[in-house]
């Protein structure tokens, strides 16, 4: 995990991993620093993205001491005062060979996985049925599945079904994180280049 890439923080603002024995401690320290920075902004009006004061959600996914970690953090405010303690959830990753985590519109995902629902037909693929049945997918197939799902959420018709999708759009960029190779772009952000060819192209079908 490249600490310099976490929320754009300079490397010196993150404690060295050598002093941390577990992922939960690492996550809490990163979140503490981010929340302190958020409170220091003293915005006239902090955003409320869900009617419950949520400013943003941070998802940390990677490997810590050769073990996979996934942590979700909700930064929020009450009456425009940022809470001192963000809500942190460190999720245990299953040892099963097939495991999934969805961050996005559950409605659109269920729609694409339902063979009897023909809405958003342009984004459908047999991969959704295989994912629903928890079949093993290759990284290539997972990437294609995710790209179709994101593009379906970005479709204006999806926004009419789930208001959450109104915030989805733009260039789809995607990365893989593996214990062996670390972080690697599959589809890089627009306007950037990578030293090696993407794992698959946006023309993959």
N, C-alpha and C. Protein backbone atom coordinates (compact mmCIF):
# COMPACT_ATOMS: atom_id res chain seq x y z
N UNK A 1 0.85 -1.18 0.00
CA UNK A 1 0.00 0.00 0.00
C UNK A 1 0.89 1.24 0.00
N UNK A 2 0.72 2.13 -0.98
CA UNK A 2 1.52 3.34 -1.08
C UNK A 2 0.84 4.43 -0.24
N UNK A 3 1.40 4.74 0.91
CA UNK A 3 0.78 5.68 1.83
C UNK A 3 0.68 7.08 1.23
N UNK A 4 1.54 7.39 0.28
CA UNK A 4 1.50 8.73 -0.30
C UNK A 4 0.24 8.95 -1.11
N UNK A 5 -0.43 7.86 -1.51
CA UNK A 5 -1.60 7.99 -2.36
C UNK A 5 -2.88 8.05 -1.55
N UNK A 6 -2.82 7.88 -0.23
CA UNK A 6 -4.02 7.88 0.59
C UNK A 6 -4.50 9.31 0.77
N UNK A 7 -5.57 9.67 0.09
CA UNK A 7 -6.20 10.98 0.24
C UNK A 7 -5.24 12.13 -0.01
N UNK A 8 -4.16 11.88 -0.76
CA UNK A 8 -3.23 12.94 -1.09
C UNK A 8 -2.39 13.41 0.07
N UNK A 9 -2.36 12.68 1.16
CA UNK A 9 -1.57 13.11 2.31
C UNK A 9 -0.08 12.93 2.04
N UNK A 10 0.74 13.91 2.43
CA UNK A 10 2.19 13.71 2.33
C UNK A 10 2.62 12.52 3.18
N UNK A 11 3.63 11.83 2.75
CA UNK A 11 4.08 10.63 3.44
C UNK A 11 4.43 10.92 4.89
N UNK A 12 5.02 12.08 5.17
CA UNK A 12 5.47 12.34 6.52
C UNK A 12 4.32 12.52 7.50
N UNK A 13 3.10 12.66 7.02
CA UNK A 13 1.97 12.86 7.93
C UNK A 13 1.36 11.53 8.36
N UNK A 14 1.85 10.41 7.82
CA UNK A 14 1.36 9.09 8.20
C UNK A 14 2.45 8.39 9.00
N UNK A 15 2.12 7.87 10.20
CA UNK A 15 3.14 7.17 10.98
C UNK A 15 3.70 5.97 10.23
N UNK A 16 4.93 5.63 10.54
CA UNK A 16 5.54 4.48 9.91
C UNK A 16 4.82 3.20 10.33
N UNK A 17 4.69 2.27 9.39
CA UNK A 17 4.00 1.03 9.68
C UNK A 17 4.73 0.19 10.72
N UNK A 18 6.02 0.44 10.87
CA UNK A 18 6.81 -0.38 11.78
C UNK A 18 6.26 -0.36 13.20
N UNK A 19 5.60 0.74 13.57
CA UNK A 19 5.10 0.83 14.93
C UNK A 19 3.68 0.34 15.10
N UNK A 20 3.09 -0.22 14.05
CA UNK A 20 1.71 -0.66 14.12
C UNK A 20 1.61 -2.17 13.95
N UNK A 21 0.86 -2.79 14.83
CA UNK A 21 0.78 -4.24 14.84
C UNK A 21 -0.44 -4.80 14.13
N UNK A 22 -1.44 -3.97 13.89
CA UNK A 22 -2.64 -4.49 13.26
C UNK A 22 -3.28 -3.43 12.36
N UNK A 23 -4.14 -3.90 11.46
CA UNK A 23 -4.76 -3.01 10.48
C UNK A 23 -5.68 -2.00 11.13
N UNK A 24 -6.38 -2.40 12.18
CA UNK A 24 -7.33 -1.50 12.82
C UNK A 24 -6.62 -0.27 13.37
N UNK A 25 -5.43 -0.46 13.94
CA UNK A 25 -4.65 0.66 14.47
C UNK A 25 -4.24 1.60 13.34
N UNK A 26 -3.80 1.02 12.23
CA UNK A 26 -3.42 1.81 11.07
C UNK A 26 -4.59 2.63 10.55
N UNK A 27 -5.75 1.99 10.40
CA UNK A 27 -6.93 2.68 9.89
C UNK A 27 -7.32 3.82 10.82
N UNK A 28 -7.34 3.57 12.12
CA UNK A 28 -7.73 4.62 13.07
C UNK A 28 -6.80 5.82 12.99
N UNK A 29 -5.50 5.57 12.79
CA UNK A 29 -4.55 6.68 12.72
C UNK A 29 -4.75 7.50 11.45
N UNK A 30 -4.96 6.83 10.32
CA UNK A 30 -5.23 7.55 9.07
C UNK A 30 -6.50 8.38 9.20
N UNK A 31 -7.55 7.77 9.74
CA UNK A 31 -8.83 8.47 9.88
C UNK A 31 -8.71 9.65 10.84
N UNK A 32 -7.95 9.47 11.92
CA UNK A 32 -7.78 10.55 12.89
C UNK A 32 -7.16 11.78 12.24
N UNK A 33 -6.14 11.55 11.41
CA UNK A 33 -5.47 12.67 10.75
C UNK A 33 -6.38 13.32 9.71
N UNK A 34 -7.11 12.52 8.96
CA UNK A 34 -8.02 13.08 7.97
C UNK A 34 -9.13 13.89 8.64
N UNK A 35 -9.66 13.37 9.74
CA UNK A 35 -10.75 14.07 10.41
C UNK A 35 -10.26 15.38 11.03
N UNK A 36 -9.05 15.36 11.55
CA UNK A 36 -8.48 16.60 12.10
C UNK A 36 -8.34 17.65 11.02
N UNK A 37 -7.91 17.21 9.84
CA UNK A 37 -7.80 18.14 8.72
C UNK A 37 -9.18 18.65 8.29
N UNK A 38 -10.15 17.78 8.29
CA UNK A 38 -11.51 18.16 7.91
C UNK A 38 -12.08 19.19 8.88
N UNK A 39 -11.83 18.99 10.16
CA UNK A 39 -12.33 19.94 11.17
C UNK A 39 -11.64 21.29 11.05
N UNK A 40 -10.37 21.27 10.64
CA UNK A 40 -9.61 22.53 10.56
C UNK A 40 -10.07 23.42 9.40
N UNK A 41 -10.80 22.85 8.45
CA UNK A 41 -11.26 23.64 7.30
C UNK A 41 -12.26 24.71 7.72
N UNK A 42 -13.08 24.39 8.72
CA UNK A 42 -14.07 25.33 9.24
C UNK A 42 -14.91 25.95 8.11
N UNK A 43 -15.51 25.07 7.32
CA UNK A 43 -16.35 25.53 6.21
C UNK A 43 -17.61 26.21 6.73
N UNK A 44 -18.08 27.16 5.97
CA UNK A 44 -19.32 27.83 6.36
C UNK A 44 -20.48 26.84 6.38
N UNK A 45 -20.44 25.91 5.45
CA UNK A 45 -21.49 24.88 5.41
C UNK A 45 -20.89 23.58 4.87
N UNK A 46 -20.82 22.58 5.72
CA UNK A 46 -20.33 21.27 5.28
C UNK A 46 -21.43 20.55 4.49
N UNK A 47 -21.05 19.74 3.52
CA UNK A 47 -22.07 19.03 2.73
C UNK A 47 -22.81 17.99 3.56
N UNK A 48 -24.01 17.69 3.12
CA UNK A 48 -24.83 16.64 3.73
C UNK A 48 -25.34 15.77 2.60
N UNK A 49 -24.70 14.61 2.41
CA UNK A 49 -24.96 13.81 1.22
C UNK A 49 -26.06 12.77 1.40
N UNK A 50 -26.60 12.66 2.61
CA UNK A 50 -27.64 11.65 2.79
C UNK A 50 -28.75 12.09 3.74
N UNK A 51 -28.77 13.37 4.08
CA UNK A 51 -29.78 13.87 5.00
C UNK A 51 -29.47 13.56 6.45
N UNK A 52 -28.31 12.92 6.71
CA UNK A 52 -27.92 12.56 8.06
C UNK A 52 -26.57 13.17 8.43
N UNK A 53 -26.17 14.18 7.67
CA UNK A 53 -24.94 14.88 7.99
C UNK A 53 -23.67 14.25 7.44
N UNK A 54 -23.80 13.26 6.58
CA UNK A 54 -22.61 12.61 6.04
C UNK A 54 -21.88 13.53 5.07
N UNK A 55 -20.63 13.80 5.37
CA UNK A 55 -19.79 14.63 4.50
C UNK A 55 -19.23 13.78 3.37
N UNK A 56 -18.68 12.63 3.73
CA UNK A 56 -18.12 11.73 2.74
C UNK A 56 -17.87 10.37 3.39
N UNK A 57 -17.59 9.40 2.58
CA UNK A 57 -17.23 8.07 3.07
C UNK A 57 -15.87 7.69 2.49
N UNK A 58 -15.03 7.15 3.34
CA UNK A 58 -13.70 6.71 2.91
C UNK A 58 -13.64 5.19 2.98
N UNK A 59 -13.17 4.58 1.91
CA UNK A 59 -12.98 3.13 1.87
C UNK A 59 -11.49 2.85 1.70
N UNK A 60 -10.91 2.13 2.64
CA UNK A 60 -9.51 1.71 2.55
C UNK A 60 -9.49 0.22 2.26
N UNK A 61 -8.84 -0.15 1.18
CA UNK A 61 -8.80 -1.55 0.76
C UNK A 61 -7.38 -1.87 0.33
N UNK A 62 -6.83 -2.94 0.85
CA UNK A 62 -5.47 -3.32 0.47
C UNK A 62 -4.95 -4.44 1.35
N UNK A 63 -3.64 -4.41 1.58
CA UNK A 63 -3.00 -5.43 2.40
C UNK A 63 -2.20 -4.77 3.50
N UNK A 64 -2.30 -5.31 4.69
CA UNK A 64 -1.52 -4.83 5.83
C UNK A 64 -0.81 -6.04 6.43
N UNK A 65 0.51 -6.02 6.37
CA UNK A 65 1.31 -7.15 6.86
C UNK A 65 0.82 -8.47 6.23
N UNK A 66 0.63 -8.40 4.91
CA UNK A 66 0.32 -9.56 4.07
C UNK A 66 -1.09 -10.10 4.30
N UNK A 67 -1.93 -9.34 5.01
CA UNK A 67 -3.31 -9.76 5.22
C UNK A 67 -4.24 -8.72 4.61
N UNK A 68 -5.28 -9.18 3.90
CA UNK A 68 -6.20 -8.22 3.25
C UNK A 68 -7.03 -7.47 4.29
N UNK A 69 -7.26 -6.20 4.03
CA UNK A 69 -8.09 -5.39 4.91
C UNK A 69 -9.10 -4.60 4.09
N UNK A 70 -10.23 -4.33 4.70
CA UNK A 70 -11.25 -3.45 4.11
C UNK A 70 -11.86 -2.66 5.26
N UNK A 71 -11.81 -1.35 5.15
CA UNK A 71 -12.35 -0.50 6.21
C UNK A 71 -13.18 0.61 5.58
N UNK A 72 -14.34 0.86 6.20
CA UNK A 72 -15.22 1.94 5.75
C UNK A 72 -15.32 2.96 6.89
N UNK A 73 -15.21 4.23 6.52
CA UNK A 73 -15.32 5.29 7.51
C UNK A 73 -16.30 6.35 7.03
N UNK A 74 -17.19 6.75 7.91
CA UNK A 74 -18.15 7.81 7.61
C UNK A 74 -17.76 9.06 8.37
N UNK A 75 -17.43 10.12 7.62
CA UNK A 75 -17.15 11.42 8.22
C UNK A 75 -18.45 12.22 8.20
N UNK A 76 -18.84 12.76 9.33
CA UNK A 76 -20.13 13.45 9.37
C UNK A 76 -20.10 14.63 10.34
N UNK A 77 -21.14 15.43 10.26
CA UNK A 77 -21.25 16.60 11.13
C UNK A 77 -22.65 16.68 11.71
N UNK A 78 -22.75 17.42 12.81
CA UNK A 78 -24.05 17.73 13.41
C UNK A 78 -24.12 19.25 13.56
N UNK A 79 -25.14 19.82 12.91
CA UNK A 79 -25.30 21.28 12.92
C UNK A 79 -24.03 21.98 12.49
N UNK A 80 -23.41 21.43 11.46
CA UNK A 80 -22.22 21.98 10.81
C UNK A 80 -20.96 21.92 11.68
N UNK A 81 -20.99 21.08 12.69
CA UNK A 81 -19.78 20.84 13.49
C UNK A 81 -19.33 19.40 13.25
N UNK A 82 -18.12 19.24 12.72
CA UNK A 82 -17.62 17.91 12.38
C UNK A 82 -17.43 17.10 13.65
N UNK A 83 -17.95 15.89 13.66
CA UNK A 83 -17.86 15.04 14.84
C UNK A 83 -16.41 14.63 15.11
N UNK A 84 -16.06 14.56 16.39
CA UNK A 84 -14.70 14.19 16.76
C UNK A 84 -14.40 12.73 16.42
N UNK A 85 -15.42 11.87 16.48
CA UNK A 85 -15.22 10.44 16.26
C UNK A 85 -15.98 9.98 15.02
N UNK A 86 -15.32 9.88 13.87
CA UNK A 86 -15.99 9.32 12.70
C UNK A 86 -16.39 7.87 12.96
N UNK A 87 -17.34 7.38 12.20
CA UNK A 87 -17.78 6.00 12.34
C UNK A 87 -16.88 5.10 11.50
N UNK A 88 -16.14 4.22 12.16
CA UNK A 88 -15.18 3.34 11.49
C UNK A 88 -15.67 1.89 11.57
N UNK A 89 -15.62 1.21 10.46
CA UNK A 89 -15.98 -0.20 10.41
C UNK A 89 -14.88 -0.96 9.67
N UNK A 90 -14.13 -1.77 10.40
CA UNK A 90 -13.11 -2.63 9.78
C UNK A 90 -13.75 -3.98 9.54
N UNK A 91 -13.89 -4.35 8.27
CA UNK A 91 -14.62 -5.55 7.90
C UNK A 91 -13.67 -6.74 7.76
N UNK A 92 -13.98 -7.86 8.38
CA UNK A 92 -13.15 -9.05 8.20
C UNK A 92 -13.37 -9.62 6.80
N UNK A 93 -12.29 -9.85 6.08
CA UNK A 93 -12.41 -10.41 4.73
C UNK A 93 -12.48 -11.93 4.82
N UNK A 94 -13.41 -12.50 4.11
CA UNK A 94 -13.63 -13.94 4.16
C UNK A 94 -12.47 -14.68 3.50
N UNK A 95 -12.22 -15.89 3.98
CA UNK A 95 -11.22 -16.75 3.36
C UNK A 95 -11.79 -17.49 2.16
N UNK A 96 -13.09 -17.32 1.88
CA UNK A 96 -13.68 -18.00 0.75
C UNK A 96 -13.05 -17.47 -0.54
N UNK A 97 -12.98 -18.32 -1.58
CA UNK A 97 -12.36 -17.87 -2.84
C UNK A 97 -13.18 -16.81 -3.56
N UNK A 98 -14.50 -16.75 -3.28
CA UNK A 98 -15.35 -15.75 -3.92
C UNK A 98 -15.93 -14.86 -2.83
N UNK A 99 -15.62 -13.58 -2.91
CA UNK A 99 -16.09 -12.63 -1.91
C UNK A 99 -16.32 -11.31 -2.61
N UNK A 100 -17.41 -10.64 -2.28
CA UNK A 100 -17.71 -9.39 -2.98
C UNK A 100 -18.07 -8.29 -2.00
N UNK A 101 -17.83 -7.06 -2.42
CA UNK A 101 -18.18 -5.88 -1.64
C UNK A 101 -18.66 -4.83 -2.63
N UNK A 102 -19.86 -4.33 -2.42
CA UNK A 102 -20.45 -3.37 -3.34
C UNK A 102 -20.57 -2.02 -2.66
N UNK A 103 -20.06 -1.01 -3.33
CA UNK A 103 -20.26 0.36 -2.88
C UNK A 103 -20.90 1.11 -4.04
N UNK A 104 -22.18 1.35 -3.93
CA UNK A 104 -22.91 1.97 -5.03
C UNK A 104 -24.38 1.65 -4.92
N UNK A 105 -25.08 1.73 -6.03
CA UNK A 105 -26.51 1.50 -6.04
C UNK A 105 -26.83 0.00 -5.99
N UNK A 106 -27.40 -0.43 -4.87
CA UNK A 106 -27.82 -1.83 -4.77
C UNK A 106 -28.96 -2.12 -5.74
N UNK A 107 -29.81 -1.12 -5.94
CA UNK A 107 -30.96 -1.31 -6.85
C UNK A 107 -30.50 -1.62 -8.26
N UNK A 108 -29.52 -0.87 -8.76
CA UNK A 108 -29.04 -1.08 -10.13
C UNK A 108 -28.30 -2.41 -10.23
N UNK A 109 -27.56 -2.76 -9.19
CA UNK A 109 -26.88 -4.06 -9.20
C UNK A 109 -27.89 -5.20 -9.28
N UNK A 110 -28.92 -5.14 -8.45
CA UNK A 110 -29.94 -6.19 -8.46
C UNK A 110 -30.65 -6.24 -9.81
N UNK A 111 -30.88 -5.09 -10.39
CA UNK A 111 -31.54 -5.02 -11.70
C UNK A 111 -30.71 -5.73 -12.77
N UNK A 112 -29.41 -5.46 -12.78
CA UNK A 112 -28.54 -6.06 -13.79
C UNK A 112 -28.37 -7.57 -13.58
N UNK A 113 -28.52 -8.01 -12.33
CA UNK A 113 -28.38 -9.43 -12.03
C UNK A 113 -29.67 -10.22 -12.27
N UNK A 114 -30.77 -9.52 -12.50
CA UNK A 114 -32.07 -10.17 -12.69
C UNK A 114 -32.30 -10.43 -14.17
N UNK A 115 -32.29 -11.68 -14.61
CA UNK A 115 -32.45 -11.97 -16.05
C UNK A 115 -33.84 -11.61 -16.58
N UNK A 116 -34.79 -11.41 -15.69
CA UNK A 116 -36.15 -11.09 -16.12
C UNK A 116 -36.42 -9.59 -16.18
N UNK A 117 -35.44 -8.80 -15.79
CA UNK A 117 -35.57 -7.34 -15.84
C UNK A 117 -34.74 -6.84 -17.01
N UNK A 118 -35.39 -6.23 -17.98
CA UNK A 118 -34.69 -5.87 -19.22
C UNK A 118 -34.35 -4.38 -19.29
N UNK A 119 -34.49 -3.68 -18.20
CA UNK A 119 -34.06 -2.28 -18.20
C UNK A 119 -32.54 -2.20 -18.25
N UNK A 120 -32.04 -1.11 -18.78
CA UNK A 120 -30.59 -0.90 -18.93
C UNK A 120 -29.93 -2.07 -19.66
N UNK A 121 -30.59 -2.51 -20.70
CA UNK A 121 -30.17 -3.69 -21.45
C UNK A 121 -28.77 -3.55 -22.04
N UNK A 122 -28.39 -2.32 -22.37
CA UNK A 122 -27.09 -2.09 -23.03
C UNK A 122 -25.91 -2.51 -22.16
N UNK A 123 -26.12 -2.59 -20.86
CA UNK A 123 -25.01 -2.86 -19.95
C UNK A 123 -25.00 -4.29 -19.44
N UNK A 124 -25.91 -5.09 -19.90
CA UNK A 124 -26.04 -6.45 -19.39
C UNK A 124 -24.94 -7.37 -19.94
N UNK A 125 -24.66 -8.40 -19.17
CA UNK A 125 -23.66 -9.39 -19.55
C UNK A 125 -23.93 -10.66 -18.76
N UNK A 126 -23.60 -11.83 -19.32
CA UNK A 126 -23.72 -13.07 -18.53
C UNK A 126 -22.89 -13.06 -17.26
N UNK A 127 -21.93 -12.13 -17.18
CA UNK A 127 -21.10 -12.05 -15.99
C UNK A 127 -21.92 -11.72 -14.74
N UNK A 128 -23.00 -10.97 -14.89
CA UNK A 128 -23.81 -10.62 -13.73
C UNK A 128 -24.49 -11.85 -13.13
N UNK A 129 -24.97 -12.74 -13.99
CA UNK A 129 -25.58 -13.98 -13.49
C UNK A 129 -24.54 -14.84 -12.79
N UNK A 130 -23.34 -14.87 -13.34
CA UNK A 130 -22.28 -15.67 -12.71
C UNK A 130 -21.89 -15.08 -11.36
N UNK A 131 -21.85 -13.74 -11.28
CA UNK A 131 -21.53 -13.10 -10.01
C UNK A 131 -22.63 -13.37 -8.99
N UNK A 132 -23.86 -13.31 -9.43
CA UNK A 132 -24.98 -13.57 -8.52
C UNK A 132 -24.92 -14.99 -7.98
N UNK A 133 -24.45 -15.92 -8.80
CA UNK A 133 -24.33 -17.33 -8.39
C UNK A 133 -23.01 -17.61 -7.67
N UNK A 134 -22.24 -16.54 -7.43
CA UNK A 134 -20.97 -16.63 -6.70
C UNK A 134 -19.99 -17.58 -7.38
N UNK A 135 -19.94 -17.49 -8.71
CA UNK A 135 -18.96 -18.27 -9.45
C UNK A 135 -17.62 -17.53 -9.42
N UNK A 136 -16.56 -18.28 -9.55
CA UNK A 136 -15.22 -17.69 -9.59
C UNK A 136 -15.05 -16.93 -10.91
N UNK A 137 -14.63 -15.67 -10.83
CA UNK A 137 -14.37 -14.85 -12.01
C UNK A 137 -12.90 -14.47 -12.04
N UNK A 138 -12.37 -14.34 -13.23
CA UNK A 138 -10.99 -13.88 -13.38
C UNK A 138 -10.94 -12.38 -13.14
N UNK A 139 -9.73 -11.83 -12.95
CA UNK A 139 -9.59 -10.39 -12.79
C UNK A 139 -10.10 -9.65 -14.01
N UNK A 140 -9.88 -10.22 -15.19
CA UNK A 140 -10.37 -9.62 -16.42
C UNK A 140 -11.89 -9.52 -16.39
N UNK A 141 -12.54 -10.60 -15.96
CA UNK A 141 -14.00 -10.63 -15.92
C UNK A 141 -14.56 -9.71 -14.84
N UNK A 142 -13.90 -9.67 -13.69
CA UNK A 142 -14.34 -8.76 -12.62
C UNK A 142 -14.23 -7.31 -13.09
N UNK A 143 -13.15 -6.99 -13.79
CA UNK A 143 -12.99 -5.63 -14.30
C UNK A 143 -14.07 -5.26 -15.28
N UNK A 144 -14.40 -6.19 -16.18
CA UNK A 144 -15.46 -5.93 -17.15
C UNK A 144 -16.81 -5.78 -16.46
N UNK A 145 -17.06 -6.61 -15.47
CA UNK A 145 -18.30 -6.54 -14.71
C UNK A 145 -18.44 -5.18 -14.02
N UNK A 146 -17.38 -4.74 -13.37
CA UNK A 146 -17.42 -3.47 -12.66
C UNK A 146 -17.60 -2.30 -13.62
N UNK A 147 -16.92 -2.36 -14.75
CA UNK A 147 -17.05 -1.27 -15.72
C UNK A 147 -18.49 -1.15 -16.21
N UNK A 148 -19.12 -2.27 -16.51
CA UNK A 148 -20.52 -2.24 -16.97
C UNK A 148 -21.45 -1.72 -15.88
N UNK A 149 -21.20 -2.14 -14.65
CA UNK A 149 -22.04 -1.69 -13.54
C UNK A 149 -21.93 -0.18 -13.34
N UNK A 150 -20.69 0.35 -13.35
CA UNK A 150 -20.49 1.78 -13.15
C UNK A 150 -21.13 2.57 -14.28
N UNK A 151 -20.96 2.11 -15.52
CA UNK A 151 -21.54 2.81 -16.65
C UNK A 151 -23.06 2.75 -16.63
N UNK A 152 -23.61 1.66 -16.13
CA UNK A 152 -25.06 1.57 -15.98
C UNK A 152 -25.56 2.58 -14.96
N UNK A 153 -24.83 2.72 -13.85
CA UNK A 153 -25.21 3.69 -12.82
C UNK A 153 -25.11 5.13 -13.34
N UNK A 154 -24.19 5.36 -14.28
CA UNK A 154 -24.00 6.70 -14.83
C UNK A 154 -25.04 7.05 -15.88
N UNK A 155 -25.79 6.08 -16.34
CA UNK A 155 -26.84 6.32 -17.34
C UNK A 155 -27.96 7.17 -16.72
N UNK A 156 -28.47 8.13 -17.47
CA UNK A 156 -29.53 9.00 -16.96
C UNK A 156 -30.75 8.20 -16.54
N UNK A 157 -31.02 7.08 -17.20
CA UNK A 157 -32.18 6.26 -16.83
C UNK A 157 -32.00 5.68 -15.43
N UNK A 158 -30.76 5.42 -15.04
CA UNK A 158 -30.51 4.89 -13.70
C UNK A 158 -30.84 5.93 -12.63
N UNK A 159 -30.56 7.21 -12.91
CA UNK A 159 -30.85 8.26 -11.95
C UNK A 159 -32.33 8.36 -11.64
N UNK A 160 -33.16 8.02 -12.65
CA UNK A 160 -34.61 8.05 -12.44
C UNK A 160 -35.05 6.92 -11.53
N UNK A 161 -34.25 5.85 -11.48
CA UNK A 161 -34.59 4.70 -10.64
C UNK A 161 -34.01 4.84 -9.24
N UNK A 162 -32.81 5.38 -9.15
CA UNK A 162 -32.12 5.54 -7.86
C UNK A 162 -31.42 6.89 -7.85
N UNK A 163 -31.88 7.85 -7.05
CA UNK A 163 -31.28 9.19 -7.02
C UNK A 163 -29.78 9.18 -6.74
N UNK A 164 -29.28 8.14 -6.08
CA UNK A 164 -27.85 8.04 -5.80
C UNK A 164 -27.04 8.12 -7.10
N UNK A 165 -27.59 7.57 -8.17
CA UNK A 165 -26.85 7.49 -9.43
C UNK A 165 -26.62 8.84 -10.08
N UNK A 166 -27.33 9.87 -9.62
CA UNK A 166 -27.11 11.20 -10.17
C UNK A 166 -25.70 11.70 -9.90
N UNK A 167 -25.03 11.10 -8.91
CA UNK A 167 -23.67 11.52 -8.54
C UNK A 167 -22.60 10.66 -9.23
N UNK A 168 -23.02 9.73 -10.09
CA UNK A 168 -22.08 8.84 -10.78
C UNK A 168 -21.91 9.31 -12.21
N UNK A 169 -20.68 9.37 -12.67
CA UNK A 169 -20.44 9.76 -14.05
C UNK A 169 -18.99 10.06 -14.32
N UNK A 170 -18.70 10.47 -15.52
CA UNK A 170 -17.34 10.78 -15.90
C UNK A 170 -16.56 9.56 -16.37
N UNK A 171 -15.28 9.75 -16.53
CA UNK A 171 -14.40 8.69 -17.00
C UNK A 171 -14.28 7.58 -15.95
N UNK A 172 -14.48 6.35 -16.38
CA UNK A 172 -14.33 5.20 -15.48
C UNK A 172 -12.84 4.85 -15.37
N UNK A 173 -12.28 4.89 -14.17
CA UNK A 173 -10.93 4.39 -13.98
C UNK A 173 -10.95 3.31 -12.91
N UNK A 174 -10.05 2.36 -13.04
CA UNK A 174 -10.13 1.15 -12.24
C UNK A 174 -8.73 0.63 -11.93
N UNK A 175 -8.60 0.04 -10.76
CA UNK A 175 -7.29 -0.49 -10.35
C UNK A 175 -7.47 -1.85 -9.69
N UNK A 176 -6.41 -2.61 -9.68
CA UNK A 176 -6.38 -3.86 -8.93
C UNK A 176 -5.37 -3.71 -7.80
N UNK A 177 -5.62 -4.40 -6.70
CA UNK A 177 -4.70 -4.43 -5.57
C UNK A 177 -4.47 -5.88 -5.21
N UNK A 178 -3.25 -6.34 -5.38
CA UNK A 178 -2.92 -7.72 -5.06
C UNK A 178 -1.72 -7.74 -4.12
N UNK A 179 -1.59 -8.83 -3.39
CA UNK A 179 -0.47 -8.95 -2.47
C UNK A 179 0.86 -8.98 -3.23
N UNK A 180 0.86 -9.60 -4.40
CA UNK A 180 2.09 -9.76 -5.17
C UNK A 180 2.53 -8.46 -5.83
N UNK A 181 1.59 -7.77 -6.50
CA UNK A 181 1.95 -6.61 -7.31
C UNK A 181 1.56 -5.27 -6.70
N UNK A 182 0.88 -5.29 -5.56
CA UNK A 182 0.46 -4.04 -4.96
C UNK A 182 -0.63 -3.37 -5.79
N UNK A 183 -0.53 -2.04 -5.90
CA UNK A 183 -1.53 -1.24 -6.63
C UNK A 183 -1.13 -1.13 -8.09
N UNK A 184 -2.12 -1.35 -8.98
CA UNK A 184 -1.85 -1.24 -10.43
C UNK A 184 -3.11 -0.77 -11.13
N UNK A 185 -2.96 0.26 -11.99
CA UNK A 185 -4.10 0.74 -12.77
C UNK A 185 -4.47 -0.28 -13.84
N UNK A 186 -5.75 -0.56 -13.96
CA UNK A 186 -6.27 -1.32 -15.09
C UNK A 186 -6.77 -0.36 -16.16
N UNK A 187 -7.57 0.60 -15.74
CA UNK A 187 -7.95 1.72 -16.58
C UNK A 187 -7.51 2.98 -15.83
N UNK A 188 -6.50 3.68 -16.31
CA UNK A 188 -5.99 4.83 -15.57
C UNK A 188 -6.94 6.02 -15.64
N UNK A 189 -6.80 6.97 -14.72
CA UNK A 189 -7.61 8.19 -14.79
C UNK A 189 -7.36 8.93 -16.10
N UNK A 190 -8.34 9.67 -16.54
CA UNK A 190 -8.22 10.43 -17.79
C UNK A 190 -7.03 11.38 -17.71
N UNK A 191 -6.27 11.44 -18.80
CA UNK A 191 -5.15 12.36 -18.88
C UNK A 191 -3.88 11.87 -18.23
N UNK A 192 -3.86 10.60 -17.77
CA UNK A 192 -2.65 10.05 -17.17
C UNK A 192 -2.18 8.87 -18.00
N UNK A 193 -0.94 8.48 -17.78
CA UNK A 193 -0.38 7.33 -18.47
C UNK A 193 0.16 6.35 -17.45
N UNK A 194 0.28 5.10 -17.85
CA UNK A 194 0.88 4.09 -16.99
C UNK A 194 2.00 3.42 -17.76
N UNK A 195 2.96 2.87 -17.03
CA UNK A 195 4.16 2.32 -17.64
C UNK A 195 3.89 1.01 -18.35
N UNK A 196 2.79 0.33 -18.00
CA UNK A 196 2.47 -0.92 -18.64
C UNK A 196 1.06 -0.84 -19.20
N UNK A 197 0.77 -1.69 -20.17
CA UNK A 197 -0.54 -1.67 -20.80
C UNK A 197 -1.62 -2.03 -19.79
N UNK A 198 -2.82 -1.42 -19.90
CA UNK A 198 -3.92 -1.80 -19.02
C UNK A 198 -4.23 -3.28 -19.16
N UNK A 199 -4.77 -3.85 -18.10
CA UNK A 199 -5.13 -5.27 -18.10
C UNK A 199 -6.17 -5.58 -19.15
N UNK A 200 -7.05 -4.63 -19.41
CA UNK A 200 -8.04 -4.78 -20.48
C UNK A 200 -8.39 -3.38 -20.96
N UNK A 201 -8.96 -3.29 -22.13
CA UNK A 201 -9.31 -2.00 -22.70
C UNK A 201 -10.79 -1.71 -22.49
N UNK A 202 -11.17 -0.47 -22.67
CA UNK A 202 -12.57 -0.10 -22.49
C UNK A 202 -13.44 -0.64 -23.62
N UNK A 203 -12.81 -1.23 -24.63
CA UNK A 203 -13.58 -1.82 -25.73
C UNK A 203 -13.86 -3.29 -25.50
N UNK A 204 -13.45 -3.81 -24.34
CA UNK A 204 -13.68 -5.23 -24.05
C UNK A 204 -15.17 -5.52 -23.96
N UNK A 205 -15.59 -6.62 -24.56
CA UNK A 205 -17.00 -7.02 -24.50
C UNK A 205 -17.08 -8.47 -24.08
